[in-house]
Amino acid sequence: MNRQKYALIALFMVQLLYGLNYTFAKVVINDNFIKPFSFVLLRVGGAAILFWLFGLFYKQERIELKDYVTLFFAAVFGVATNMLLFLKGLELTSPIHASVIMTITPIIILILSSFFLSEKITRLKVLGVFLGFLGGILLTILGKSTRVGDNVPLGNTLIFINAISYSIYIIIIKKLTAKYHPFTFIKWLFLFGFFLVLPFGYQETLEIDWQSFTPYAWFSVLFVVIGATFGTYILNPLALRSLKASTVGVFIYLQPVIAGIFAIMMGVDAVSPVKIAAMLLIFAGVYLVTKKPKVLT
């Protein structure tokens, strides 16, 4: 099996872990076991420890001084902003809403690629961007949650900004993946990220009642830290070493399918006509922006 096939398998595993993550994180937060920002602190801190421990078993590479600046900005967009807005947004919206909005990420990546990677702007990509954003707006304005107390418009808006932040992270991290092994720079990424999220989650973490945790709550927290954080942040860079950033982005459209099926099975979300319509619009947008049509003149 060649490197590209391994990379595609890694990408699928990333989407599977993220797809399950929506429901596990949503239940733990909304059942008041843990608040969003304290969850972020535990998520980043726990993953940072794992990255530094596993990094001991790999050949140490020397990081150039200028790349620490790149790592810092990658931590700002890919760890701090990304995770803080994601878990806070997920508290206020539903797993299906959040996963559908995240499928806008490939569109954002392609827009950013046109500026930073000199990719041509095409008619179909313009149409795709329009359809994708229309789907996101439709879901934000008309979407509803089955849970009393959710604030869907605000939650969806936070998830949307999170998608932009994550897209910027993918663009930033692409250059580092070609230069270093993931264990070399990701441990620094999460170390920077830990100190960035510490002011937001410190007080909430002190308020956690650990004795109230059920076995399901413990499992969910461990899954988010080990699977949806440590696992995904290792597998994504490994995939980026063999695949284009846009290809990595396109795989995100699997998340609503996985997240939706699992959320419905667990009874924390339900399908609605608005969700289906928004999903179709966004999927159509993703499809169009990934085609190779004629270039605008």
Protein backbone atom coordinates (compact mmCIF):
# COMPACT_ATOMS: atom_id res chain seq x y z
CA MET A 1 0.00 0.00 0.00
CA ASN A 2 1.53 3.35 -1.05
CA ARG A 3 1.79 6.48 1.06
CA GLN A 4 -1.23 8.11 -0.58
CA LYS A 5 -3.52 5.20 0.36
CA TYR A 6 -2.29 5.34 3.95
CA ALA A 7 -2.96 9.08 3.90
CA LEU A 8 -6.54 8.53 2.69
CA ILE A 9 -7.14 5.97 5.45
CA ALA A 10 -5.75 8.45 7.98
CA LEU A 11 -8.13 11.12 6.65
CA PHE A 12 -11.12 8.81 6.99
CA MET A 13 -10.15 8.01 10.59
CA VAL A 14 -9.91 11.74 11.32
CA GLN A 15 -13.47 12.30 10.09
CA LEU A 16 -14.74 9.26 12.00
CA LEU A 17 -13.20 10.52 15.25
CA TYR A 18 -14.49 14.06 14.66
CA GLY A 19 -17.93 12.77 13.68
CA LEU A 20 -18.30 10.86 16.97
CA ASN A 21 -16.79 13.77 18.89
CA TYR A 22 -19.81 16.03 18.31
CA THR A 23 -22.14 13.81 20.34
CA PHE A 24 -19.71 12.83 23.10
CA ALA A 25 -18.69 16.45 23.74
CA LYS A 26 -22.28 17.73 23.48
CA VAL A 27 -23.62 15.29 26.07
CA VAL A 28 -20.85 15.92 28.61
CA ILE A 29 -21.22 19.71 28.33
CA ASN A 30 -25.02 19.84 28.33
CA ASP A 31 -25.35 17.37 31.20
CA ASN A 32 -23.29 19.88 33.24
CA PHE A 33 -20.38 17.55 33.95
CA ILE A 34 -17.98 20.11 32.54
CA LYS A 35 -18.14 23.60 31.02
CA PRO A 36 -16.89 24.34 27.49
CA PHE A 37 -13.75 26.33 28.32
CA SER A 38 -12.63 23.92 31.05
CA PHE A 39 -13.18 21.09 28.56
CA VAL A 40 -10.90 22.92 26.13
CA LEU A 41 -8.21 23.29 28.80
CA LEU A 42 -8.38 19.59 29.68
CA ARG A 43 -8.44 18.66 26.01
CA VAL A 44 -5.39 20.74 25.11
CA GLY A 45 -3.48 19.99 28.32
CA GLY A 46 -4.12 16.24 28.12
CA ALA A 47 -3.16 16.06 24.46
CA ALA A 48 -0.02 18.16 25.09
CA ILE A 49 1.16 15.65 27.69
CA LEU A 50 0.57 12.77 25.26
CA PHE A 51 2.39 14.52 22.41
CA TRP A 52 5.44 15.28 24.56
CA LEU A 53 5.55 11.71 25.92
CA PHE A 54 5.24 10.09 22.49
CA GLY A 55 7.72 12.58 21.07
CA LEU A 56 10.41 11.02 23.27
CA PHE A 57 10.30 7.87 21.13
CA TYR A 58 11.03 9.71 17.86
CA LYS A 59 14.23 11.16 16.54
CA GLN A 60 14.53 14.73 17.76
CA GLU A 61 14.58 17.32 14.97
CA ARG A 62 15.83 20.85 15.44
CA ILE A 63 13.16 23.45 14.68
CA GLU A 64 14.37 26.63 13.03
CA LEU A 65 13.78 29.75 15.11
CA LYS A 66 11.55 31.38 12.47
CA ASP A 67 9.28 28.32 12.49
CA TYR A 68 8.42 28.87 16.16
CA VAL A 69 6.60 32.02 15.05
CA THR A 70 4.65 29.94 12.53
CA LEU A 71 3.89 27.41 15.27
CA PHE A 72 2.57 30.15 17.54
CA PHE A 73 0.11 31.40 14.92
CA ALA A 74 -0.86 27.82 14.10
CA ALA A 75 -1.63 27.37 17.82
CA VAL A 76 -3.71 30.56 17.84
CA PHE A 77 -5.91 29.43 14.94
CA GLY A 78 -5.71 25.62 15.16
CA VAL A 79 -5.83 25.09 18.92
CA ALA A 80 -7.01 28.11 20.93
CA THR A 81 -9.54 29.87 18.68
CA ASN A 82 -10.61 26.65 16.99
CA MET A 83 -11.34 24.66 20.15
CA LEU A 84 -12.72 27.48 22.31
CA LEU A 85 -15.29 28.46 19.68
CA PHE A 86 -16.08 24.86 18.74
CA LEU A 87 -16.99 23.61 22.21
CA LYS A 88 -18.76 26.84 23.16
CA GLY A 89 -20.71 26.74 19.90
CA LEU A 90 -21.50 23.04 20.35
CA GLU A 91 -22.97 23.84 23.77
CA LEU A 92 -25.51 26.13 22.08
CA THR A 93 -26.33 24.21 18.90
CA SER A 94 -26.86 20.59 17.85
CA PRO A 95 -24.31 17.99 16.65
CA ILE A 96 -25.85 17.86 13.15
CA HIS A 97 -25.87 21.68 12.84
CA ALA A 98 -22.23 21.89 13.92
CA SER A 99 -21.03 19.10 11.62
CA VAL A 100 -22.90 20.50 8.60
CA ILE A 101 -21.44 23.98 9.11
CA MET A 102 -17.94 22.50 9.40
CA THR A 103 -18.30 21.17 5.84
CA ILE A 104 -17.86 24.78 4.69
CA THR A 105 -14.19 24.36 5.64
CA PRO A 106 -13.12 22.98 2.21
CA ILE A 107 -14.60 26.07 0.56
CA ILE A 108 -12.76 28.38 2.93
CA ILE A 109 -9.52 26.46 2.39
CA LEU A 110 -9.83 26.86 -1.37
CA ILE A 111 -10.52 30.59 -1.01
CA LEU A 112 -7.44 30.97 1.17
CA SER A 113 -5.43 28.81 -1.23
CA SER A 114 -6.27 31.21 -4.06
CA PHE A 115 -4.58 34.00 -2.09
CA PHE A 116 -1.67 32.17 -0.47
CA LEU A 117 -1.04 29.31 -2.92
CA SER A 118 -1.88 31.20 -6.15
CA GLU A 119 -4.78 28.90 -7.08
CA LYS A 120 -6.95 30.16 -9.97
CA ILE A 121 -10.49 31.42 -9.27
CA THR A 122 -13.10 29.76 -11.50
CA ARG A 123 -16.78 30.18 -12.28
CA LEU A 124 -17.77 26.91 -10.64
CA LYS A 125 -15.77 27.75 -7.55
CA VAL A 126 -17.56 31.09 -7.25
CA LEU A 127 -20.91 29.28 -7.58
CA GLY A 128 -19.76 26.65 -5.10
CA VAL A 129 -18.78 29.27 -2.55
CA PHE A 130 -22.18 30.94 -2.96
CA LEU A 131 -24.09 27.67 -2.47
CA GLY A 132 -21.97 26.67 0.52
CA PHE A 133 -22.44 29.95 2.33
CA LEU A 134 -26.15 29.94 1.45
CA GLY A 135 -26.44 26.54 3.14
CA GLY A 136 -24.65 27.85 6.22
CA ILE A 137 -26.89 30.92 6.41
CA LEU A 138 -30.02 28.79 5.95
CA LEU A 139 -29.00 26.52 8.80
CA THR A 140 -28.10 29.44 11.07
CA ILE A 141 -31.32 31.42 10.52
CA LEU A 142 -33.92 28.65 10.21
CA GLY A 143 -32.26 25.75 12.03
CA LYS A 144 -33.68 24.57 15.33
CA SER A 145 -32.44 22.27 18.08
CA THR A 146 -34.43 19.59 19.89
CA ARG A 147 -32.90 20.69 23.22
CA VAL A 148 -34.50 23.44 25.30
CA GLY A 149 -32.00 26.15 26.16
CA ASP A 150 -29.93 25.98 22.98
CA ASN A 151 -29.17 29.24 21.16
CA VAL A 152 -28.85 27.92 17.61
CA PRO A 153 -28.01 31.19 15.75
CA LEU A 154 -25.23 32.08 18.19
CA GLY A 155 -23.96 28.50 18.38
CA ASN A 156 -23.91 28.15 14.59
CA THR A 157 -22.12 31.49 14.24
CA LEU A 158 -19.39 30.36 16.65
CA ILE A 159 -19.02 27.07 14.76
CA PHE A 160 -18.77 29.00 11.49
CA ILE A 161 -15.98 31.23 12.84
CA ASN A 162 -14.35 28.08 14.15
CA ALA A 163 -14.43 26.62 10.62
CA ILE A 164 -12.65 29.73 9.31
CA SER A 165 -10.03 29.44 12.06
CA TYR A 166 -9.46 25.74 11.35
CA SER A 167 -9.08 26.48 7.62
CA ILE A 168 -6.39 29.05 8.36
CA TYR A 169 -4.66 26.45 10.53
CA ILE A 170 -4.63 23.92 7.66
CA ILE A 171 -2.99 26.46 5.36
CA ILE A 172 -0.39 27.41 7.99
CA ILE A 173 0.44 23.84 8.96
CA LYS A 174 0.89 22.64 5.36
CA LYS A 175 4.41 24.11 5.12
CA LEU A 176 5.49 22.57 8.42
CA THR A 177 4.35 19.07 7.43
CA ALA A 178 6.77 19.09 4.50
CA LYS A 179 9.64 20.12 6.76
CA TYR A 180 9.21 18.20 10.03
CA HIS A 181 7.76 14.99 11.41
CA PRO A 182 4.38 15.67 13.08
CA PHE A 183 5.69 14.70 16.55
CA THR A 184 8.42 17.31 16.17
CA PHE A 185 6.15 20.34 15.90
CA ILE A 186 2.73 19.27 17.22
CA LYS A 187 4.04 19.00 20.79
CA TRP A 188 5.09 22.65 20.54
CA LEU A 189 1.78 23.52 18.89
CA PHE A 190 -0.12 22.18 21.90
CA LEU A 191 2.29 23.61 24.43
CA PHE A 192 1.69 27.08 22.97
CA GLY A 193 -2.02 26.29 22.76
CA PHE A 194 -2.19 25.27 26.42
CA PHE A 195 -0.92 28.64 27.62
CA LEU A 196 -3.27 30.41 25.20
CA VAL A 197 -6.39 28.65 26.54
CA LEU A 198 -5.30 28.62 30.21
CA PRO A 199 -6.79 32.06 31.06
CA PHE A 200 -10.16 31.01 29.59
CA GLY A 201 -10.52 27.61 31.23
CA TYR A 202 -8.64 27.90 34.54
CA GLN A 203 -11.54 29.04 36.74
CA GLU A 204 -14.05 26.66 35.15
CA THR A 205 -11.65 23.75 35.67
CA LEU A 206 -11.41 24.51 39.40
CA GLU A 207 -15.23 24.27 39.58
CA ILE A 208 -15.44 20.73 38.12
CA ASP A 209 -17.09 18.20 40.45
CA TRP A 210 -15.07 15.11 39.53
CA GLN A 211 -17.06 12.88 41.91
CA SER A 212 -20.23 13.48 39.89
CA PHE A 213 -18.73 11.93 36.76
CA THR A 214 -20.46 8.79 35.47
CA PRO A 215 -18.55 6.07 33.54
CA TYR A 216 -20.03 7.51 30.33
CA ALA A 217 -18.78 11.00 31.22
CA TRP A 218 -15.27 9.68 31.89
CA PHE A 219 -15.28 7.74 28.64
CA SER A 220 -16.48 10.80 26.71
CA VAL A 221 -13.76 13.04 28.15
CA LEU A 222 -11.06 10.44 27.41
CA PHE A 223 -12.41 9.98 23.89
CA VAL A 224 -12.30 13.73 23.20
CA VAL A 225 -8.74 14.06 24.57
CA ILE A 226 -7.20 10.87 23.15
CA GLY A 227 -9.26 10.21 20.04
CA ALA A 228 -10.66 13.51 18.80
CA THR A 229 -7.59 15.56 19.76
CA PHE A 230 -4.40 13.49 20.06
CA GLY A 231 -5.45 11.09 17.29
CA THR A 232 -6.78 13.65 14.82
CA TYR A 233 -3.93 16.13 15.23
CA ILE A 234 -1.44 13.33 14.49
CA LEU A 235 -3.33 11.82 11.55
CA ASN A 236 -4.10 15.14 9.80
CA PRO A 237 -0.44 16.22 9.39
CA LEU A 238 0.49 12.69 8.30
CA ALA A 239 -2.15 12.96 5.57
CA LEU A 240 -0.99 16.46 4.60
CA ARG A 241 2.50 15.11 3.92
CA SER A 242 1.13 13.10 0.96
CA LEU A 243 -2.02 15.00 -0.06
CA LYS A 244 -3.02 18.55 -1.02
CA ALA A 245 -4.60 20.79 1.61
CA SER A 246 -7.77 20.98 -0.52
CA THR A 247 -8.03 17.16 -0.57
CA VAL A 248 -7.77 17.06 3.21
CA GLY A 249 -10.51 19.68 3.40
CA VAL A 250 -12.90 17.81 1.10
CA PHE A 251 -12.94 14.78 3.43
CA ILE A 252 -14.70 16.93 6.02
CA TYR A 253 -17.99 16.37 4.19
CA LEU A 254 -18.06 12.89 5.77
CA GLN A 255 -18.52 14.43 9.22
CA PRO A 256 -22.26 15.26 8.97
CA VAL A 257 -23.02 11.71 7.85
CA ILE A 258 -21.08 10.16 10.74
CA ALA A 259 -22.15 12.78 13.27
CA GLY A 260 -25.79 12.66 12.18
CA ILE A 261 -26.12 8.88 12.33
CA PHE A 262 -24.42 8.66 15.72
CA ALA A 263 -26.31 11.63 17.21
CA ILE A 264 -29.65 10.16 16.13
CA MET A 265 -28.67 6.72 17.50
CA MET A 266 -27.78 8.34 20.85
CA GLY A 267 -31.01 10.38 20.87
CA VAL A 268 -29.34 13.81 21.08
CA ASP A 269 -30.40 15.14 17.68
CA ALA A 270 -32.96 14.67 14.91
CA VAL A 271 -33.15 15.19 11.15
CA SER A 272 -35.29 18.04 9.76
CA PRO A 273 -36.04 19.41 6.25
CA VAL A 274 -33.96 22.53 6.97
CA LYS A 275 -30.94 20.45 7.97
CA ILE A 276 -31.26 18.28 4.86
CA ALA A 277 -31.63 21.31 2.56
CA ALA A 278 -28.63 23.06 4.13
CA MET A 279 -26.56 19.90 3.89
CA LEU A 280 -27.38 19.48 0.19
CA LEU A 281 -26.48 23.12 -0.56
CA ILE A 282 -23.16 22.83 1.25
CA PHE A 283 -22.34 19.47 -0.34
CA ALA A 284 -23.13 20.93 -3.77
CA GLY A 285 -20.85 23.87 -3.00
CA VAL A 286 -18.02 21.56 -1.92
CA TYR A 287 -18.46 19.49 -5.08
CA LEU A 288 -18.29 22.54 -7.35
CA VAL A 289 -15.24 24.11 -5.75
CA THR A 290 -13.29 20.87 -6.10
CA LYS A 291 -13.91 20.48 -9.84
CA LYS A 292 -11.48 21.73 -12.49
CA PRO A 293 -13.51 24.04 -14.73
CA LYS A 294 -12.53 26.90 -17.04
CA VAL A 295 -10.65 29.83 -15.57
CA LEU A 296 -12.30 33.26 -15.31
CA THR A 297 -10.92 35.80 -17.75
